[in-house]
Amino acid sequence: MRHDIRLVSSLIVFAFALLAREGSAAADASENPVRQAAVRAVPPLQAMQVRWYEKQTCFSCHTQFQPAIAFEVARAHGIPVDEAIARADAVKAFTSFGSVDEAVEFANSGEPALVNAYGMVAAHAAGLPRF
């Protein structure tokens, strides 16, 4: 299951990266297949975020970090994002992020510097203030 989540979220982020590359002068969704894909991608990605914490207690780079970055790009291009879901997920994902105790122990990852840096980029994309 984790492999499926990683693949799906990586493909979705790739679609948003293509959207960002096309620029804001892109045609409406009916004329732009990348934009259509981005519009269709947001709801299942957010549904996955809602279900994540039913079985997990920690954040996921592929379920919280990548979507936060993708949603920032989506908003910039007028792609609808359910802000209530995005906010609830960001609160759960980033509440313990940046904890000194967790940073010292860092039992959840093999590479603290990479995860912390990536997490800060995602937290910024999710609209959290700098910490």
C-alpha atoms as a PDB file:
ATOM      1  CA  MET A   1       0.000   0.000   0.000  1.00  0.00           C
ATOM      2  CA  ARG A   2       2.780   2.483   0.837  1.00  0.00           C
ATOM      3  CA  HIS A   3       4.299   1.901  -2.611  1.00  0.00           C
ATOM      4  CA  ASP A   4       0.948   2.729  -4.249  1.00  0.00           C
ATOM      5  CA  ILE A   5       0.635   5.941  -2.233  1.00  0.00           C
ATOM      6  CA  ARG A   6       4.141   7.004  -3.207  1.00  0.00           C
ATOM      7  CA  LEU A   7       3.556   6.296  -6.900  1.00  0.00           C
ATOM      8  CA  VAL A   8       0.200   8.076  -7.033  1.00  0.00           C
ATOM      9  CA  SER A   9       1.376  11.128  -5.111  1.00  0.00           C
ATOM     10  CA  SER A  10       4.565  11.359  -7.173  1.00  0.00           C
ATOM     11  CA  LEU A  11       2.571  11.253 -10.418  1.00  0.00           C
ATOM     12  CA  ILE A  12       0.204  13.920  -9.126  1.00  0.00           C
ATOM     13  CA  VAL A  13       3.082  16.191  -8.153  1.00  0.00           C
ATOM     14  CA  PHE A  14       4.556  15.640 -11.617  1.00  0.00           C
ATOM     15  CA  ALA A  15       1.244  16.756 -13.189  1.00  0.00           C
ATOM     16  CA  PHE A  16       1.287  19.910 -11.049  1.00  0.00           C
ATOM     17  CA  ALA A  17       4.898  20.567 -12.033  1.00  0.00           C
ATOM     18  CA  LEU A  18       3.856  20.408 -15.689  1.00  0.00           C
ATOM     19  CA  LEU A  19       1.013  22.780 -14.936  1.00  0.00           C
ATOM     20  CA  ALA A  20       3.393  25.230 -13.267  1.00  0.00           C
ATOM     21  CA  ARG A  21       5.702  25.061 -16.282  1.00  0.00           C
ATOM     22  CA  GLU A  22       2.896  25.982 -18.661  1.00  0.00           C
ATOM     23  CA  GLY A  23       2.408  29.324 -16.935  1.00  0.00           C
ATOM     24  CA  SER A  24      -0.688  31.255 -15.982  1.00  0.00           C
ATOM     25  CA  ALA A  25      -1.624  32.090 -19.570  1.00  0.00           C
ATOM     26  CA  ALA A  26      -2.870  28.498 -20.087  1.00  0.00           C
ATOM     27  CA  ALA A  27      -6.318  28.006 -21.618  1.00  0.00           C
ATOM     28  CA  ASP A  28      -9.288  26.934 -19.507  1.00  0.00           C
ATOM     29  CA  ALA A  29      -9.673  23.331 -18.298  1.00  0.00           C
ATOM     30  CA  SER A  30     -11.704  22.235 -21.323  1.00  0.00           C
ATOM     31  CA  GLU A  31      -8.788  23.029 -23.646  1.00  0.00           C
ATOM     32  CA  ASN A  32      -5.777  21.978 -21.566  1.00  0.00           C
ATOM     33  CA  PRO A  33      -5.256  18.272 -20.773  1.00  0.00           C
ATOM     34  CA  VAL A  34      -2.611  18.958 -18.087  1.00  0.00           C
ATOM     35  CA  ARG A  35      -4.998  21.340 -16.360  1.00  0.00           C
ATOM     36  CA  GLN A  36      -7.811  18.781 -16.640  1.00  0.00           C
ATOM     37  CA  ALA A  37      -5.562  16.176 -15.022  1.00  0.00           C
ATOM     38  CA  ALA A  38      -4.686  18.570 -12.188  1.00  0.00           C
ATOM     39  CA  VAL A  39      -8.370  19.374 -11.548  1.00  0.00           C
ATOM     40  CA  ARG A  40      -9.194  15.643 -11.395  1.00  0.00           C
ATOM     41  CA  ALA A  41      -6.149  14.856  -9.215  1.00  0.00           C
ATOM     42  CA  VAL A  42      -6.904  17.098  -6.246  1.00  0.00           C
ATOM     43  CA  PRO A  43     -10.021  15.332  -4.824  1.00  0.00           C
ATOM     44  CA  PRO A  44      -8.532  11.800  -4.655  1.00  0.00           C
ATOM     45  CA  LEU A  45      -5.299  13.165  -3.206  1.00  0.00           C
ATOM     46  CA  GLN A  46      -7.220  15.004  -0.503  1.00  0.00           C
ATOM     47  CA  ALA A  47      -9.363  11.907   0.169  1.00  0.00           C
ATOM     48  CA  MET A  48      -6.117   9.979   0.704  1.00  0.00           C
ATOM     49  CA  GLN A  49      -4.989  12.618   3.205  1.00  0.00           C
ATOM     50  CA  VAL A  50      -8.231  12.274   5.173  1.00  0.00           C
ATOM     51  CA  ARG A  51      -7.816   8.485   5.381  1.00  0.00           C
ATOM     52  CA  TRP A  52      -4.089   8.597   6.197  1.00  0.00           C
ATOM     53  CA  TYR A  53      -4.504   9.250   9.909  1.00  0.00           C
ATOM     54  CA  GLU A  54      -7.018   6.425  10.322  1.00  0.00           C
ATOM     55  CA  LYS A  55      -4.063   3.999  10.264  1.00  0.00           C
ATOM     56  CA  GLN A  56      -0.978   6.191  10.720  1.00  0.00           C
ATOM     57  CA  THR A  57       0.215   8.446  13.520  1.00  0.00           C
ATOM     58  CA  CYS A  58       3.007  10.208  11.674  1.00  0.00           C
ATOM     59  CA  PHE A  59       3.248  12.495   8.654  1.00  0.00           C
ATOM     60  CA  SER A  60       4.301  11.190   5.262  1.00  0.00           C
ATOM     61  CA  CYS A  61       6.489  12.922   2.720  1.00  0.00           C
ATOM     62  CA  HIS A  62       4.257  11.493  -0.021  1.00  0.00           C
ATOM     63  CA  THR A  63       0.896  12.083   1.659  1.00  0.00           C
ATOM     64  CA  GLN A  64       1.449  15.448   3.342  1.00  0.00           C
ATOM     65  CA  PHE A  65       4.597  17.149   2.024  1.00  0.00           C
ATOM     66  CA  GLN A  66       4.223  16.577  -1.731  1.00  0.00           C
ATOM     67  CA  PRO A  67       0.499  17.429  -1.756  1.00  0.00           C
ATOM     68  CA  ALA A  68       1.109  20.655   0.200  1.00  0.00           C
ATOM     69  CA  ILE A  69       3.537  21.756  -2.507  1.00  0.00           C
ATOM     70  CA  ALA A  70       1.186  20.597  -5.282  1.00  0.00           C
ATOM     71  CA  PHE A  71      -1.748  22.466  -3.712  1.00  0.00           C
ATOM     72  CA  GLU A  72       0.287  25.686  -3.626  1.00  0.00           C
ATOM     73  CA  VAL A  73       0.837  25.334  -7.392  1.00  0.00           C
ATOM     74  CA  ALA A  74      -2.827  24.422  -7.892  1.00  0.00           C
ATOM     75  CA  ARG A  75      -4.004  27.551  -6.068  1.00  0.00           C
ATOM     76  CA  ALA A  76      -1.655  29.709  -8.135  1.00  0.00           C
ATOM     77  CA  HIS A  77      -3.312  28.353 -11.290  1.00  0.00           C
ATOM     78  CA  GLY A  78      -6.904  28.524 -10.124  1.00  0.00           C
ATOM     79  CA  ILE A  79      -7.270  24.763  -9.554  1.00  0.00           C
ATOM     80  CA  PRO A  80      -9.859  24.204  -6.798  1.00  0.00           C
ATOM     81  CA  VAL A  81      -8.546  22.825  -3.494  1.00  0.00           C
ATOM     82  CA  ASP A  82     -10.814  21.938  -0.567  1.00  0.00           C
ATOM     83  CA  GLU A  83      -9.238  24.340   1.896  1.00  0.00           C
ATOM     84  CA  ALA A  84     -10.877  22.746   4.949  1.00  0.00           C
ATOM     85  CA  ILE A  85      -9.226  19.397   4.156  1.00  0.00           C
ATOM     86  CA  ALA A  86      -5.898  21.041   3.274  1.00  0.00           C
ATOM     87  CA  ARG A  87      -5.872  23.030   6.521  1.00  0.00           C
ATOM     88  CA  ALA A  88      -6.858  20.045   8.691  1.00  0.00           C
ATOM     89  CA  ASP A  89      -4.136  17.933   7.102  1.00  0.00           C
ATOM     90  CA  ALA A  90      -1.504  20.660   7.515  1.00  0.00           C
ATOM     91  CA  VAL A  91      -2.393  21.068  11.182  1.00  0.00           C
ATOM     92  CA  LYS A  92      -1.962  17.320  11.783  1.00  0.00           C
ATOM     93  CA  ALA A  93       1.157  16.987   9.649  1.00  0.00           C
ATOM     94  CA  PHE A  94       3.042  19.991  10.942  1.00  0.00           C
ATOM     95  CA  THR A  95       1.951  20.146  14.598  1.00  0.00           C
ATOM     96  CA  SER A  96       4.821  17.975  15.805  1.00  0.00           C
ATOM     97  CA  PHE A  97       7.099  18.917  12.931  1.00  0.00           C
ATOM     98  CA  GLY A  98       9.948  21.026  14.236  1.00  0.00           C
ATOM     99  CA  SER A  99       9.751  19.554  17.738  1.00  0.00           C
ATOM    100  CA  VAL A 100      13.173  19.685  19.359  1.00  0.00           C
ATOM    101  CA  ASP A 101      12.635  16.281  20.997  1.00  0.00           C
ATOM    102  CA  GLU A 102      11.680  14.674  17.706  1.00  0.00           C
ATOM    103  CA  ALA A 103      14.616  16.301  15.922  1.00  0.00           C
ATOM    104  CA  VAL A 104      17.067  14.960  18.517  1.00  0.00           C
ATOM    105  CA  GLU A 105      15.616  11.438  18.591  1.00  0.00           C
ATOM    106  CA  PHE A 106      14.590  11.314  14.918  1.00  0.00           C
ATOM    107  CA  ALA A 107      13.537   7.696  15.025  1.00  0.00           C
ATOM    108  CA  ASN A 108      11.136   8.140  12.071  1.00  0.00           C
ATOM    109  CA  SER A 109      13.665   8.657   9.289  1.00  0.00           C
ATOM    110  CA  GLY A 110      17.109   7.723   8.165  1.00  0.00           C
ATOM    111  CA  GLU A 111      17.936  11.228   6.932  1.00  0.00           C
ATOM    112  CA  PRO A 112      16.868  14.022   9.305  1.00  0.00           C
ATOM    113  CA  ALA A 113      18.414  16.911   7.349  1.00  0.00           C
ATOM    114  CA  LEU A 114      16.653  15.996   4.121  1.00  0.00           C
ATOM    115  CA  VAL A 115      13.272  15.355   5.761  1.00  0.00           C
ATOM    116  CA  ASN A 116      13.440  18.539   7.843  1.00  0.00           C
ATOM    117  CA  ALA A 117      14.410  20.677   4.847  1.00  0.00           C
ATOM    118  CA  TYR A 118      11.710  19.106   2.676  1.00  0.00           C
ATOM    119  CA  GLY A 119       9.216  19.517   5.499  1.00  0.00           C
ATOM    120  CA  MET A 120      10.004  23.221   5.817  1.00  0.00           C
ATOM    121  CA  VAL A 121       9.404  23.712   2.096  1.00  0.00           C
ATOM    122  CA  ALA A 122       6.090  21.857   2.426  1.00  0.00           C
ATOM    123  CA  ALA A 123       5.100  23.785   5.557  1.00  0.00           C
ATOM    124  CA  HIS A 124       5.721  27.040   3.707  1.00  0.00           C
ATOM    125  CA  ALA A 125       3.627  25.787   0.779  1.00  0.00           C
ATOM    126  CA  ALA A 126       0.836  24.882   3.209  1.00  0.00           C
ATOM    127  CA  GLY A 127       0.857  28.473   4.477  1.00  0.00           C
ATOM    128  CA  LEU A 128       2.392  27.896   7.892  1.00  0.00           C
ATOM    129  CA  PRO A 129       4.480  30.710   9.343  1.00  0.00           C
ATOM    130  CA  ARG A 130       8.228  30.281   9.614  1.00  0.00           C
ATOM    131  CA  PHE A 131       9.439  28.649  12.797  1.00  0.00           C
END
